[in-house]
Amino acid sequence: MIEQVLFWTGSALFIIGGVFDLLGSIGLLRFPSFYVRLHAATIGAIYGAVLPLIGISLIALGSPGIPGNYTIAGASFVTALILLVVAPMGSHVLAHAAHKSKSVSWKPFVDMLEEDEEK
């Protein structure tokens, strides 16, 4: 019984992650500016990778017949945690570097980073 719950929950997370990947890729194509596209890429990277990895770990835990199922579950869960930490930091670094180099044309109403640099 618990194996079926883990399998179907993991499968649902896997499909939801695929939907987030699809939405992130559509956002990369359709959004107008670099920063909004970066947001779409980050959503696709975080939810499109973390949710399927957690789903794989649940499927592996619910399949006792697979050799090394605890290893698969542990490795995918640890990878999901690492991605959950690293992907937002990477997008923040990209946005900060694009702002500092002024390589992206962007006309904000308020730019706190620029105001801090002027002081």
PDB file of N, CA and C in Angstrom:
ATOM      1  N   MET A   1       0.821  -1.201   0.000  1.00  0.00           N
ATOM      2  CA  MET A   1       0.000   0.000   0.000  1.00  0.00           C
ATOM      3  C   MET A   1       0.865   1.265   0.000  1.00  0.00           C
ATOM      4  N   ILE A   2       1.852   1.326   0.907  1.00  0.00           N
ATOM      5  CA  ILE A   2       2.708   2.507   0.982  1.00  0.00           C
ATOM      6  C   ILE A   2       3.572   2.629  -0.266  1.00  0.00           C
ATOM      7  N   GLU A   3       3.918   1.480  -0.872  1.00  0.00           N
ATOM      8  CA  GLU A   3       4.710   1.520  -2.099  1.00  0.00           C
ATOM      9  C   GLU A   3       3.936   2.198  -3.224  1.00  0.00           C
ATOM     10  N   GLN A   4       2.637   1.933  -3.299  1.00  0.00           N
ATOM     11  CA  GLN A   4       1.811   2.565  -4.332  1.00  0.00           C
ATOM     12  C   GLN A   4       1.675   4.065  -4.096  1.00  0.00           C
ATOM     13  N   VAL A   5       1.526   4.462  -2.846  1.00  0.00           N
ATOM     14  CA  VAL A   5       1.422   5.894  -2.531  1.00  0.00           C
ATOM     15  C   VAL A   5       2.723   6.609  -2.898  1.00  0.00           C
ATOM     16  N   LEU A   6       3.852   6.017  -2.557  1.00  0.00           N
ATOM     17  CA  LEU A   6       5.137   6.624  -2.905  1.00  0.00           C
ATOM     18  C   LEU A   6       5.331   6.679  -4.416  1.00  0.00           C
ATOM     19  N   PHE A   7       4.923   5.612  -5.119  1.00  0.00           N
ATOM     20  CA  PHE A   7       5.075   5.594  -6.573  1.00  0.00           C
ATOM     21  C   PHE A   7       4.226   6.674  -7.232  1.00  0.00           C
ATOM     22  N   TRP A   8       2.970   6.780  -6.851  1.00  0.00           N
ATOM     23  CA  TRP A   8       2.090   7.761  -7.508  1.00  0.00           C
ATOM     24  C   TRP A   8       2.419   9.187  -7.098  1.00  0.00           C
ATOM     25  N   THR A   9       2.848   9.396  -5.869  1.00  0.00           N
ATOM     26  CA  THR A   9       3.281  10.731  -5.459  1.00  0.00           C
ATOM     27  C   THR A   9       4.550  11.134  -6.208  1.00  0.00           C
ATOM     28  N   GLY A  10       5.489  10.207  -6.329  1.00  0.00           N
ATOM     29  CA  GLY A  10       6.701  10.477  -7.084  1.00  0.00           C
ATOM     30  C   GLY A  10       6.417  10.725  -8.556  1.00  0.00           C
ATOM     31  N   SER A  11       5.488   9.967  -9.124  1.00  0.00           N
ATOM     32  CA  SER A  11       5.123  10.180 -10.529  1.00  0.00           C
ATOM     33  C   SER A  11       4.465  11.536 -10.730  1.00  0.00           C
ATOM     34  N   ALA A  12       3.622  11.940  -9.784  1.00  0.00           N
ATOM     35  CA  ALA A  12       2.977  13.253  -9.877  1.00  0.00           C
ATOM     36  C   ALA A  12       4.010  14.372  -9.793  1.00  0.00           C
ATOM     37  N   LEU A  13       4.970  14.245  -8.886  1.00  0.00           N
ATOM     38  CA  LEU A  13       6.034  15.254  -8.789  1.00  0.00           C
ATOM     39  C   LEU A  13       6.871  15.299 -10.059  1.00  0.00           C
ATOM     40  N   PHE A  14       7.095  14.135 -10.657  1.00  0.00           N
ATOM     41  CA  PHE A  14       7.849  14.067 -11.902  1.00  0.00           C
ATOM     42  C   PHE A  14       7.120  14.809 -13.019  1.00  0.00           C
ATOM     43  N   ILE A  15       5.815  14.614 -13.120  1.00  0.00           N
ATOM     44  CA  ILE A  15       5.015  15.283 -14.165  1.00  0.00           C
ATOM     45  C   ILE A  15       4.916  16.782 -13.889  1.00  0.00           C
ATOM     46  N   ILE A  16       4.719  17.172 -12.641  1.00  0.00           N
ATOM     47  CA  ILE A  16       4.647  18.589 -12.295  1.00  0.00           C
ATOM     48  C   ILE A  16       5.978  19.286 -12.619  1.00  0.00           C
ATOM     49  N   GLY A  17       7.082  18.615 -12.371  1.00  0.00           N
ATOM     50  CA  GLY A  17       8.387  19.168 -12.733  1.00  0.00           C
ATOM     51  C   GLY A  17       8.520  19.360 -14.234  1.00  0.00           C
ATOM     52  N   GLY A  18       7.991  18.431 -15.007  1.00  0.00           N
ATOM     53  CA  GLY A  18       7.997  18.591 -16.463  1.00  0.00           C
ATOM     54  C   GLY A  18       7.169  19.770 -16.915  1.00  0.00           C
ATOM     55  N   VAL A  19       6.048  20.005 -16.255  1.00  0.00           N
ATOM     56  CA  VAL A  19       5.216  21.165 -16.581  1.00  0.00           C
ATOM     57  C   VAL A  19       5.960  22.462 -16.265  1.00  0.00           C
ATOM     58  N   PHE A  20       6.662  22.506 -15.129  1.00  0.00           N
ATOM     59  CA  PHE A  20       7.455  23.695 -14.801  1.00  0.00           C
ATOM     60  C   PHE A  20       8.582  23.912 -15.799  1.00  0.00           C
ATOM     61  N   ASP A  21       9.190  22.831 -16.274  1.00  0.00           N
ATOM     62  CA  ASP A  21      10.210  22.975 -17.321  1.00  0.00           C
ATOM     63  C   ASP A  21       9.609  23.555 -18.586  1.00  0.00           C
ATOM     64  N   LEU A  22       8.424  23.076 -18.959  1.00  0.00           N
ATOM     65  CA  LEU A  22       7.751  23.591 -20.148  1.00  0.00           C
ATOM     66  C   LEU A  22       7.409  25.068 -19.988  1.00  0.00           C
ATOM     67  N   LEU A  23       6.877  25.442 -18.832  1.00  0.00           N
ATOM     68  CA  LEU A  23       6.536  26.847 -18.589  1.00  0.00           C
ATOM     69  C   LEU A  23       7.781  27.729 -18.558  1.00  0.00           C
ATOM     70  N   GLY A  24       8.864  27.230 -17.987  1.00  0.00           N
ATOM     71  CA  GLY A  24      10.106  27.992 -17.976  1.00  0.00           C
ATOM     72  C   GLY A  24      10.667  28.198 -19.373  1.00  0.00           C
ATOM     73  N   SER A  25      10.571  27.181 -20.214  1.00  0.00           N
ATOM     74  CA  SER A  25      11.086  27.332 -21.582  1.00  0.00           C
ATOM     75  C   SER A  25      10.201  28.266 -22.400  1.00  0.00           C
ATOM     76  N   ILE A  26       8.892  28.229 -22.183  1.00  0.00           N
ATOM     77  CA  ILE A  26       8.004  29.187 -22.859  1.00  0.00           C
ATOM     78  C   ILE A  26       8.308  30.600 -22.384  1.00  0.00           C
ATOM     79  N   GLY A  27       8.566  30.763 -21.094  1.00  0.00           N
ATOM     80  CA  GLY A  27       8.928  32.071 -20.559  1.00  0.00           C
ATOM     81  C   GLY A  27      10.222  32.595 -21.137  1.00  0.00           C
ATOM     82  N   LEU A  28      11.195  31.703 -21.354  1.00  0.00           N
ATOM     83  CA  LEU A  28      12.451  32.131 -21.965  1.00  0.00           C
ATOM     84  C   LEU A  28      12.228  32.659 -23.375  1.00  0.00           C
ATOM     85  N   LEU A  29      11.285  32.095 -24.085  1.00  0.00           N
ATOM     86  CA  LEU A  29      11.013  32.530 -25.451  1.00  0.00           C
ATOM     87  C   LEU A  29      10.141  33.775 -25.512  1.00  0.00           C
ATOM     88  N   ARG A  30       9.222  33.933 -24.568  1.00  0.00           N
ATOM     89  CA  ARG A  30       8.201  34.957 -24.683  1.00  0.00           C
ATOM     90  C   ARG A  30       8.429  36.217 -23.855  1.00  0.00           C
ATOM     91  N   PHE A  31       9.172  36.130 -22.764  1.00  0.00           N
ATOM     92  CA  PHE A  31       9.327  37.292 -21.897  1.00  0.00           C
ATOM     93  C   PHE A  31      10.204  38.349 -22.555  1.00  0.00           C
ATOM     94  N   PRO A  32       9.965  39.634 -22.233  1.00  0.00           N
ATOM     95  CA  PRO A  32      10.601  40.704 -22.992  1.00  0.00           C
ATOM     96  C   PRO A  32      12.034  41.052 -22.599  1.00  0.00           C
ATOM     97  N   SER A  33      12.398  40.960 -21.347  1.00  0.00           N
ATOM     98  CA  SER A  33      13.712  41.476 -20.949  1.00  0.00           C
ATOM     99  C   SER A  33      14.573  40.372 -20.333  1.00  0.00           C
ATOM    100  N   PHE A  34      15.839  40.699 -20.174  1.00  0.00           N
ATOM    101  CA  PHE A  34      16.806  39.743 -19.640  1.00  0.00           C
ATOM    102  C   PHE A  34      16.434  39.290 -18.239  1.00  0.00           C
ATOM    103  N   TYR A  35      16.041  40.225 -17.388  1.00  0.00           N
ATOM    104  CA  TYR A  35      15.796  39.886 -15.991  1.00  0.00           C
ATOM    105  C   TYR A  35      14.560  39.014 -15.828  1.00  0.00           C
ATOM    106  N   VAL A  36      13.536  39.258 -16.607  1.00  0.00           N
ATOM    107  CA  VAL A  36      12.334  38.420 -16.529  1.00  0.00           C
ATOM    108  C   VAL A  36      12.623  37.049 -17.130  1.00  0.00           C
ATOM    109  N   ARG A  37      13.416  37.001 -18.178  1.00  0.00           N
ATOM    110  CA  ARG A  37      13.817  35.713 -18.749  1.00  0.00           C
ATOM    111  C   ARG A  37      14.681  34.926 -17.767  1.00  0.00           C
ATOM    112  N   LEU A  38      15.516  35.626 -17.038  1.00  0.00           N
ATOM    113  CA  LEU A  38      16.330  34.972 -16.020  1.00  0.00           C
ATOM    114  C   LEU A  38      15.450  34.362 -14.936  1.00  0.00           C
ATOM    115  N   HIS A  39      14.375  35.058 -14.591  1.00  0.00           N
ATOM    116  CA  HIS A  39      13.428  34.523 -13.621  1.00  0.00           C
ATOM    117  C   HIS A  39      12.780  33.246 -14.149  1.00  0.00           C
ATOM    118  N   ALA A  40      12.384  33.250 -15.420  1.00  0.00           N
ATOM    119  CA  ALA A  40      11.776  32.059 -16.008  1.00  0.00           C
ATOM    120  C   ALA A  40      12.764  30.897 -16.043  1.00  0.00           C
ATOM    121  N   ALA A  41      14.010  31.185 -16.359  1.00  0.00           N
ATOM    122  CA  ALA A  41      15.027  30.129 -16.379  1.00  0.00           C
ATOM    123  C   ALA A  41      15.261  29.561 -14.988  1.00  0.00           C
ATOM    124  N   THR A  42      15.225  30.420 -13.980  1.00  0.00           N
ATOM    125  CA  THR A  42      15.427  29.962 -12.614  1.00  0.00           C
ATOM    126  C   THR A  42      14.260  29.110 -12.137  1.00  0.00           C
ATOM    127  N   ILE A  43      13.047  29.499 -12.494  1.00  0.00           N
ATOM    128  CA  ILE A  43      11.874  28.692 -12.138  1.00  0.00           C
ATOM    129  C   ILE A  43      11.982  27.315 -12.782  1.00  0.00           C
ATOM    130  N   GLY A  44      12.378  27.294 -14.060  1.00  0.00           N
ATOM    131  CA  GLY A  44      12.553  26.015 -14.727  1.00  0.00           C
ATOM    132  C   GLY A  44      13.660  25.187 -14.114  1.00  0.00           C
ATOM    133  N   ALA A  45      14.735  25.836 -13.693  1.00  0.00           N
ATOM    134  CA  ALA A  45      15.857  25.102 -13.108  1.00  0.00           C
ATOM    135  C   ALA A  45      15.521  24.582 -11.719  1.00  0.00           C
ATOM    136  N   ILE A  46      14.831  25.391 -10.939  1.00  0.00           N
ATOM    137  CA  ILE A  46      14.542  24.961  -9.572  1.00  0.00           C
ATOM    138  C   ILE A  46      13.425  23.923  -9.562  1.00  0.00           C
ATOM    139  N   TYR A  47      12.236  24.333  -9.976  1.00  0.00           N
ATOM    140  CA  TYR A  47      11.101  23.423  -9.893  1.00  0.00           C
ATOM    141  C   TYR A  47      11.164  22.325 -10.947  1.00  0.00           C
ATOM    142  N   GLY A  48      11.743  22.625 -12.106  1.00  0.00           N
ATOM    143  CA  GLY A  48      11.832  21.622 -13.159  1.00  0.00           C
ATOM    144  C   GLY A  48      12.887  20.574 -12.904  1.00  0.00           C
ATOM    145  N   ALA A  49      13.786  20.816 -11.978  1.00  0.00           N
ATOM    146  CA  ALA A  49      14.804  19.828 -11.647  1.00  0.00           C
ATOM    147  C   ALA A  49      14.614  19.257 -10.243  1.00  0.00           C
ATOM    148  N   VAL A  50      14.224  20.096  -9.300  1.00  0.00           N
ATOM    149  CA  VAL A  50      14.105  19.640  -7.914  1.00  0.00           C
ATOM    150  C   VAL A  50      12.903  18.713  -7.739  1.00  0.00           C
ATOM    151  N   LEU A  51      11.756  19.074  -8.284  1.00  0.00           N
ATOM    152  CA  LEU A  51      10.575  18.231  -8.116  1.00  0.00           C
ATOM    153  C   LEU A  51      10.742  16.843  -8.745  1.00  0.00           C
ATOM    154  N   PRO A  52      11.261  16.731  -9.982  1.00  0.00           N
ATOM    155  CA  PRO A  52      11.483  15.367 -10.495  1.00  0.00           C
ATOM    156  C   PRO A  52      12.517  14.571  -9.691  1.00  0.00           C
ATOM    157  N   LEU A  53      13.532  15.242  -9.163  1.00  0.00           N
ATOM    158  CA  LEU A  53      14.510  14.513  -8.351  1.00  0.00           C
ATOM    159  C   LEU A  53      13.888  13.994  -7.058  1.00  0.00           C
ATOM    160  N   ILE A  54      13.045  14.797  -6.436  1.00  0.00           N
ATOM    161  CA  ILE A  54      12.339  14.317  -5.244  1.00  0.00           C
ATOM    162  C   ILE A  54      11.375  13.200  -5.624  1.00  0.00           C
ATOM    163  N   GLY A  55      10.738  13.328  -6.807  1.00  0.00           N
ATOM    164  CA  GLY A  55       9.859  12.264  -7.284  1.00  0.00           C
ATOM    165  C   GLY A  55      10.612  10.967  -7.516  1.00  0.00           C
ATOM    166  N   ILE A  56      11.803  11.062  -8.082  1.00  0.00           N
ATOM    167  CA  ILE A  56      12.615   9.858  -8.297  1.00  0.00           C
ATOM    168  C   ILE A  56      12.994   9.226  -6.967  1.00  0.00           C
ATOM    169  N   SER A  57      13.309  10.047  -5.982  1.00  0.00           N
ATOM    170  CA  SER A  57      13.661   9.481  -4.679  1.00  0.00           C
ATOM    171  C   SER A  57      12.456   8.781  -4.047  1.00  0.00           C
ATOM    172  N   LEU A  58      11.261   9.331  -4.215  1.00  0.00           N
ATOM    173  CA  LEU A  58      10.070   8.664  -3.682  1.00  0.00           C
ATOM    174  C   LEU A  58       9.772   7.375  -4.430  1.00  0.00           C
ATOM    175  N   ILE A  59       9.935   7.395  -5.748  1.00  0.00           N
ATOM    176  CA  ILE A  59       9.713   6.176  -6.531  1.00  0.00           C
ATOM    177  C   ILE A  59      10.721   5.108  -6.130  1.00  0.00           C
ATOM    178  N   ALA A  60      11.972   5.499  -5.933  1.00  0.00           N
ATOM    179  CA  ALA A  60      12.997   4.529  -5.530  1.00  0.00           C
ATOM    180  C   ALA A  60      12.708   3.965  -4.139  1.00  0.00           C
ATOM    181  N   LEU A  61      12.222   4.800  -3.231  1.00  0.00           N
ATOM    182  CA  LEU A  61      11.881   4.294  -1.894  1.00  0.00           C
ATOM    183  C   LEU A  61      10.679   3.356  -1.940  1.00  0.00           C
ATOM    184  N   GLY A  62       9.782   3.586  -2.884  1.00  0.00           N
ATOM    185  CA  GLY A  62       8.592   2.738  -2.995  1.00  0.00           C
ATOM    186  C   GLY A  62       8.802   1.495  -3.825  1.00  0.00           C
ATOM    187  N   SER A  63      10.011   1.277  -4.314  1.00  0.00           N
ATOM    188  CA  SER A  63      10.303   0.091  -5.129  1.00  0.00           C
ATOM    189  C   SER A  63      11.377  -0.745  -4.446  1.00  0.00           C
ATOM    190  N   PRO A  64      10.976  -1.611  -3.520  1.00  0.00           N
ATOM    191  CA  PRO A  64      11.986  -2.378  -2.780  1.00  0.00           C
ATOM    192  C   PRO A  64      12.697  -3.425  -3.641  1.00  0.00           C
ATOM    193  N   GLY A  65      12.179  -3.746  -4.820  1.00  0.00           N
ATOM    194  CA  GLY A  65      12.807  -4.755  -5.665  1.00  0.00           C
ATOM    195  C   GLY A  65      13.991  -4.241  -6.457  1.00  0.00           C
ATOM    196  N   ILE A  66      14.162  -2.937  -6.516  1.00  0.00           N
ATOM    197  CA  ILE A  66      15.275  -2.353  -7.263  1.00  0.00           C
ATOM    198  C   ILE A  66      16.539  -2.435  -6.409  1.00  0.00           C
ATOM    199  N   PRO A  67      17.621  -3.000  -6.959  1.00  0.00           N
ATOM    200  CA  PRO A  67      18.860  -3.020  -6.162  1.00  0.00           C
ATOM    201  C   PRO A  67      19.432  -1.607  -6.025  1.00  0.00           C
ATOM    202  N   GLY A  68      19.806  -1.258  -4.827  1.00  0.00           N
ATOM    203  CA  GLY A  68      20.369   0.061  -4.561  1.00  0.00           C
ATOM    204  C   GLY A  68      19.337   1.163  -4.506  1.00  0.00           C
ATOM    205  N   ASN A  69      18.109   0.827  -4.126  1.00  0.00           N
ATOM    206  CA  ASN A  69      17.053   1.848  -4.130  1.00  0.00           C
ATOM    207  C   ASN A  69      17.304   2.938  -3.100  1.00  0.00           C
ATOM    208  N   TYR A  70      17.923   2.611  -1.971  1.00  0.00           N
ATOM    209  CA  TYR A  70      18.217   3.641  -0.986  1.00  0.00           C
ATOM    210  C   TYR A  70      19.335   4.572  -1.465  1.00  0.00           C
ATOM    211  N   THR A  71      20.251   4.029  -2.222  1.00  0.00           N
ATOM    212  CA  THR A  71      21.323   4.851  -2.794  1.00  0.00           C
ATOM    213  C   THR A  71      20.755   5.818  -3.821  1.00  0.00           C
ATOM    214  N   ILE A  72      19.866   5.332  -4.671  1.00  0.00           N
ATOM    215  CA  ILE A  72      19.229   6.185  -5.682  1.00  0.00           C
ATOM    216  C   ILE A  72      18.410   7.275  -5.005  1.00  0.00           C
ATOM    217  N   ALA A  73      17.634   6.885  -3.982  1.00  0.00           N
ATOM    218  CA  ALA A  73      16.795   7.856  -3.280  1.00  0.00           C
ATOM    219  C   ALA A  73      17.641   8.908  -2.575  1.00  0.00           C
ATOM    220  N   GLY A  74      18.690   8.481  -1.900  1.00  0.00           N
ATOM    221  CA  GLY A  74      19.544   9.426  -1.181  1.00  0.00           C
ATOM    222  C   GLY A  74      20.288  10.361  -2.106  1.00  0.00           C
ATOM    223  N   ALA A  75      20.834   9.810  -3.201  1.00  0.00           N
ATOM    224  CA  ALA A  75      21.589  10.645  -4.134  1.00  0.00           C
ATOM    225  C   ALA A  75      20.693  11.662  -4.825  1.00  0.00           C
ATOM    226  N   SER A  76      19.490  11.249  -5.212  1.00  0.00           N
ATOM    227  CA  SER A  76      18.605  12.211  -5.882  1.00  0.00           C
ATOM    228  C   SER A  76      18.094  13.262  -4.906  1.00  0.00           C
ATOM    229  N   PHE A  77      17.863  12.884  -3.659  1.00  0.00           N
ATOM    230  CA  PHE A  77      17.410  13.863  -2.675  1.00  0.00           C
ATOM    231  C   PHE A  77      18.504  14.878  -2.345  1.00  0.00           C
ATOM    232  N   VAL A  78      19.736  14.415  -2.196  1.00  0.00           N
ATOM    233  CA  VAL A  78      20.851  15.328  -1.912  1.00  0.00           C
ATOM    234  C   VAL A  78      21.091  16.251  -3.108  1.00  0.00           C
ATOM    235  N   THR A  79      20.994  15.711  -4.315  1.00  0.00           N
ATOM    236  CA  THR A  79      21.141  16.541  -5.511  1.00  0.00           C
ATOM    237  C   THR A  79      20.050  17.600  -5.576  1.00  0.00           C
ATOM    238  N   ALA A  80      18.824  17.237  -5.200  1.00  0.00           N
ATOM    239  CA  ALA A  80      17.726  18.205  -5.180  1.00  0.00           C
ATOM    240  C   ALA A  80      17.998  19.315  -4.177  1.00  0.00           C
ATOM    241  N   LEU A  81      18.523  18.968  -3.011  1.00  0.00           N
ATOM    242  CA  LEU A  81      18.835  19.990  -2.006  1.00  0.00           C
ATOM    243  C   LEU A  81      19.942  20.921  -2.486  1.00  0.00           C
ATOM    244  N   ILE A  82      20.955  20.362  -3.145  1.00  0.00           N
ATOM    245  CA  ILE A  82      22.040  21.196  -3.661  1.00  0.00           C
ATOM    246  C   ILE A  82      21.516  22.150  -4.727  1.00  0.00           C
ATOM    247  N   LEU A  83      20.675  21.653  -5.630  1.00  0.00           N
ATOM    248  CA  LEU A  83      20.091  22.520  -6.659  1.00  0.00           C
ATOM    249  C   LEU A  83      19.205  23.600  -6.055  1.00  0.00           C
ATOM    250  N   LEU A  84      18.507  23.259  -4.996  1.00  0.00           N
ATOM    251  CA  LEU A  84      17.625  24.224  -4.343  1.00  0.00           C
ATOM    252  C   LEU A  84      18.413  25.378  -3.745  1.00  0.00           C
ATOM    253  N   VAL A  85      19.661  25.145  -3.382  1.00  0.00           N
ATOM    254  CA  VAL A  85      20.506  26.198  -2.820  1.00  0.00           C
ATOM    255  C   VAL A  85      21.280  26.931  -3.909  1.00  0.00           C
ATOM    256  N   VAL A  86      21.806  26.205  -4.881  1.00  0.00           N
ATOM    257  CA  VAL A  86      22.731  26.779  -5.847  1.00  0.00           C
ATOM    258  C   VAL A  86      22.030  27.561  -6.967  1.00  0.00           C
ATOM    259  N   ALA A  87      20.889  27.101  -7.432  1.00  0.00           N
ATOM    260  CA  ALA A  87      20.230  27.753  -8.575  1.00  0.00           C
ATOM    261  C   ALA A  87      19.813  29.198  -8.282  1.00  0.00           C
ATOM    262  N   PRO A  88      19.208  29.519  -7.145  1.00  0.00           N
ATOM    263  CA  PRO A  88      18.904  30.929  -6.887  1.00  0.00           C
ATOM    264  C   PRO A  88      20.141  31.806  -6.746  1.00  0.00           C
ATOM    265  N   MET A  89      21.195  31.255  -6.164  1.00  0.00           N
ATOM    266  CA  MET A  89      22.431  32.040  -6.046  1.00  0.00           C
ATOM    267  C   MET A  89      23.038  32.305  -7.411  1.00  0.00           C
ATOM    268  N   GLY A  90      22.972  31.320  -8.299  1.00  0.00           N
ATOM    269  CA  GLY A  90      23.505  31.505  -9.642  1.00  0.00           C
ATOM    270  C   GLY A  90      22.758  32.557 -10.429  1.00  0.00           C
ATOM    271  N   SER A  91      21.441  32.557 -10.326  1.00  0.00           N
ATOM    272  CA  SER A  91      20.670  33.577 -11.044  1.00  0.00           C
ATOM    273  C   SER A  91      20.899  34.962 -10.449  1.00  0.00           C
ATOM    274  N   HIS A  92      21.084  35.036  -9.134  1.00  0.00           N
ATOM    275  CA  HIS A  92      21.379  36.320  -8.502  1.00  0.00           C
ATOM    276  C   HIS A  92      22.726  36.859  -8.973  1.00  0.00           C
ATOM    277  N   VAL A  93      23.704  35.982  -9.073  1.00  0.00           N
ATOM    278  CA  VAL A  93      25.029  36.403  -9.538  1.00  0.00           C
ATOM    279  C   VAL A  93      24.955  36.872 -10.991  1.00  0.00           C
ATOM    280  N   LEU A  94      24.214  36.169 -11.832  1.00  0.00           N
ATOM    281  CA  LEU A  94      24.060  36.592 -13.231  1.00  0.00           C
ATOM    282  C   LEU A  94      23.382  37.959 -13.329  1.00  0.00           C
ATOM    283  N   ALA A  95      22.319  38.161 -12.552  1.00  0.00           N
ATOM    284  CA  ALA A  95      21.621  39.443 -12.588  1.00  0.00           C
ATOM    285  C   ALA A  95      22.510  40.565 -12.073  1.00  0.00           C
ATOM    286  N   HIS A  96      23.257  40.304 -11.023  1.00  0.00           N
ATOM    287  CA  HIS A  96      24.147  41.320 -10.467  1.00  0.00           C
ATOM    288  C   HIS A  96      25.259  41.673 -11.459  1.00  0.00           C
ATOM    289  N   ALA A  97      25.815  40.662 -12.114  1.00  0.00           N
ATOM    290  CA  ALA A  97      26.877  40.919 -13.090  1.00  0.00           C
ATOM    291  C   ALA A  97      26.342  41.682 -14.300  1.00  0.00           C
ATOM    292  N   ALA A  98      25.135  41.363 -14.737  1.00  0.00           N
ATOM    293  CA  ALA A  98      24.548  42.088 -15.869  1.00  0.00           C
ATOM    294  C   ALA A  98      24.266  43.537 -15.489  1.00  0.00           C
ATOM    295  N   HIS A  99      23.855  43.770 -14.268  1.00  0.00           N
ATOM    296  CA  HIS A  99      23.584  45.134 -13.818  1.00  0.00           C
ATOM    297  C   HIS A  99      24.873  45.928 -13.690  1.00  0.00           C
ATOM    298  N   LYS A 100      25.900  45.308 -13.131  1.00  0.00           N
ATOM    299  CA  LYS A 100      27.175  46.010 -12.939  1.00  0.00           C
ATOM    300  C   LYS A 100      27.854  46.342 -14.265  1.00  0.00           C
ATOM    301  N   SER A 101      27.780  45.418 -15.226  1.00  0.00           N
ATOM    302  CA  SER A 101      28.458  45.650 -16.510  1.00  0.00           C
ATOM    303  C   SER A 101      27.651  46.536 -17.450  1.00  0.00           C
ATOM    304  N   LYS A 102      26.411  46.805 -17.081  1.00  0.00           N
ATOM    305  CA  LYS A 102      25.502  47.625 -17.886  1.00  0.00           C
ATOM    306  C   LYS A 102      25.391  47.086 -19.317  1.00  0.00           C
ATOM    307  N   SER A 103      25.452  45.768 -19.445  1.00  0.00           N
ATOM    308  CA  SER A 103      25.327  45.141 -20.757  1.00  0.00           C
ATOM    309  C   SER A 103      23.882  44.891 -21.143  1.00  0.00           C
ATOM    310  N   VAL A 104      22.960  45.087 -20.210  1.00  0.00           N
ATOM    311  CA  VAL A 104      21.545  44.883 -20.471  1.00  0.00           C
ATOM    312  C   VAL A 104      20.850  46.232 -20.387  1.00  0.00           C
ATOM    313  N   SER A 105      20.122  46.587 -21.446  1.00  0.00           N
ATOM    314  CA  SER A 105      19.383  47.852 -21.387  1.00  0.00           C
ATOM    315  C   SER A 105      18.128  47.640 -20.546  1.00  0.00           C
ATOM    316  N   TRP A 106      18.037  48.470 -19.500  1.00  0.00           N
ATOM    317  CA  TRP A 106      16.952  48.311 -18.549  1.00  0.00           C
ATOM    318  C   TRP A 106      16.668  49.672 -17.945  1.00  0.00           C
ATOM    319  N   LYS A 107      15.443  50.090 -17.979  1.00  0.00           N
ATOM    320  CA  LYS A 107      15.037  51.400 -17.464  1.00  0.00           C
ATOM    321  C   LYS A 107      14.085  51.223 -16.280  1.00  0.00           C
ATOM    322  N   PRO A 108      14.628  51.012 -15.080  1.00  0.00           N
ATOM    323  CA  PRO A 108      13.749  50.842 -13.922  1.00  0.00           C
ATOM    324  C   PRO A 108      13.250  52.182 -13.402  1.00  0.00           C
ATOM    325  N   PHE A 109      12.155  52.147 -12.662  1.00  0.00           N
ATOM    326  CA  PHE A 109      11.660  53.348 -11.997  1.00  0.00           C
ATOM    327  C   PHE A 109      12.533  53.680 -10.799  1.00  0.00           C
ATOM    328  N   VAL A 110      12.922  52.666 -10.041  1.00  0.00           N
ATOM    329  CA  VAL A 110      13.773  52.835  -8.870  1.00  0.00           C
ATOM    330  C   VAL A 110      14.913  51.822  -8.986  1.00  0.00           C
ATOM    331  N   ASP A 111      16.136  52.282  -8.807  1.00  0.00           N
ATOM    332  CA  ASP A 111      17.287  51.401  -8.860  1.00  0.00           C
ATOM    333  C   ASP A 111      18.103  51.595  -7.587  1.00  0.00           C
ATOM    334  N   MET A 112      17.826  50.782  -6.597  1.00  0.00           N
ATOM    335  CA  MET A 112      18.488  50.912  -5.303  1.00  0.00           C
ATOM    336  C   MET A 112      19.981  50.629  -5.395  1.00  0.00           C
ATOM    337  N   LEU A 113      20.377  49.692  -6.240  1.00  0.00           N
ATOM    338  CA  LEU A 113      21.789  49.373  -6.376  1.00  0.00           C
ATOM    339  C   LEU A 113      22.562  50.557  -6.948  1.00  0.00           C
ATOM    340  N   GLU A 114      21.974  51.228  -7.915  1.00  0.00           N
ATOM    341  CA  GLU A 114      22.611  52.418  -8.507  1.00  0.00           C
ATOM    342  C   GLU A 114      22.674  53.559  -7.487  1.00  0.00           C
ATOM    343  N   GLU A 115      21.637  53.708  -6.679  1.00  0.00           N
ATOM    344  CA  GLU A 115      21.621  54.751  -5.645  1.00  0.00           C
ATOM    345  C   GLU A 115      22.690  54.488  -4.582  1.00  0.00           C
ATOM    346  N   ASP A 116      22.891  53.212  -4.241  1.00  0.00           N
ATOM    347  CA  ASP A 116      23.935  52.877  -3.259  1.00  0.00           C
ATOM    348  C   ASP A 116      25.324  53.140  -3.816  1.00  0.00           C
ATOM    349  N   GLU A 117      25.517  52.925  -5.106  1.00  0.00           N
ATOM    350  CA  GLU A 117      26.817  53.158  -5.715  1.00  0.00           C
ATOM    351  C   GLU A 117      27.137  54.643  -5.801  1.00  0.00           C
ATOM    352  N   GLU A 118      26.128  55.496  -5.945  1.00  0.00           N
ATOM    353  CA  GLU A 118      26.343  56.926  -6.062  1.00  0.00           C
ATOM    354  C   GLU A 118      26.763  57.552  -4.732  1.00  0.00           C
ATOM    355  N   LYS A 119      26.426  56.942  -3.627  1.00  0.00           N
ATOM    356  CA  LYS A 119      26.740  57.501  -2.306  1.00  0.00           C
ATOM    357  C   LYS A 119      28.183  57.313  -1.940  1.00  0.00           C
TER     358      LYS A 119
END
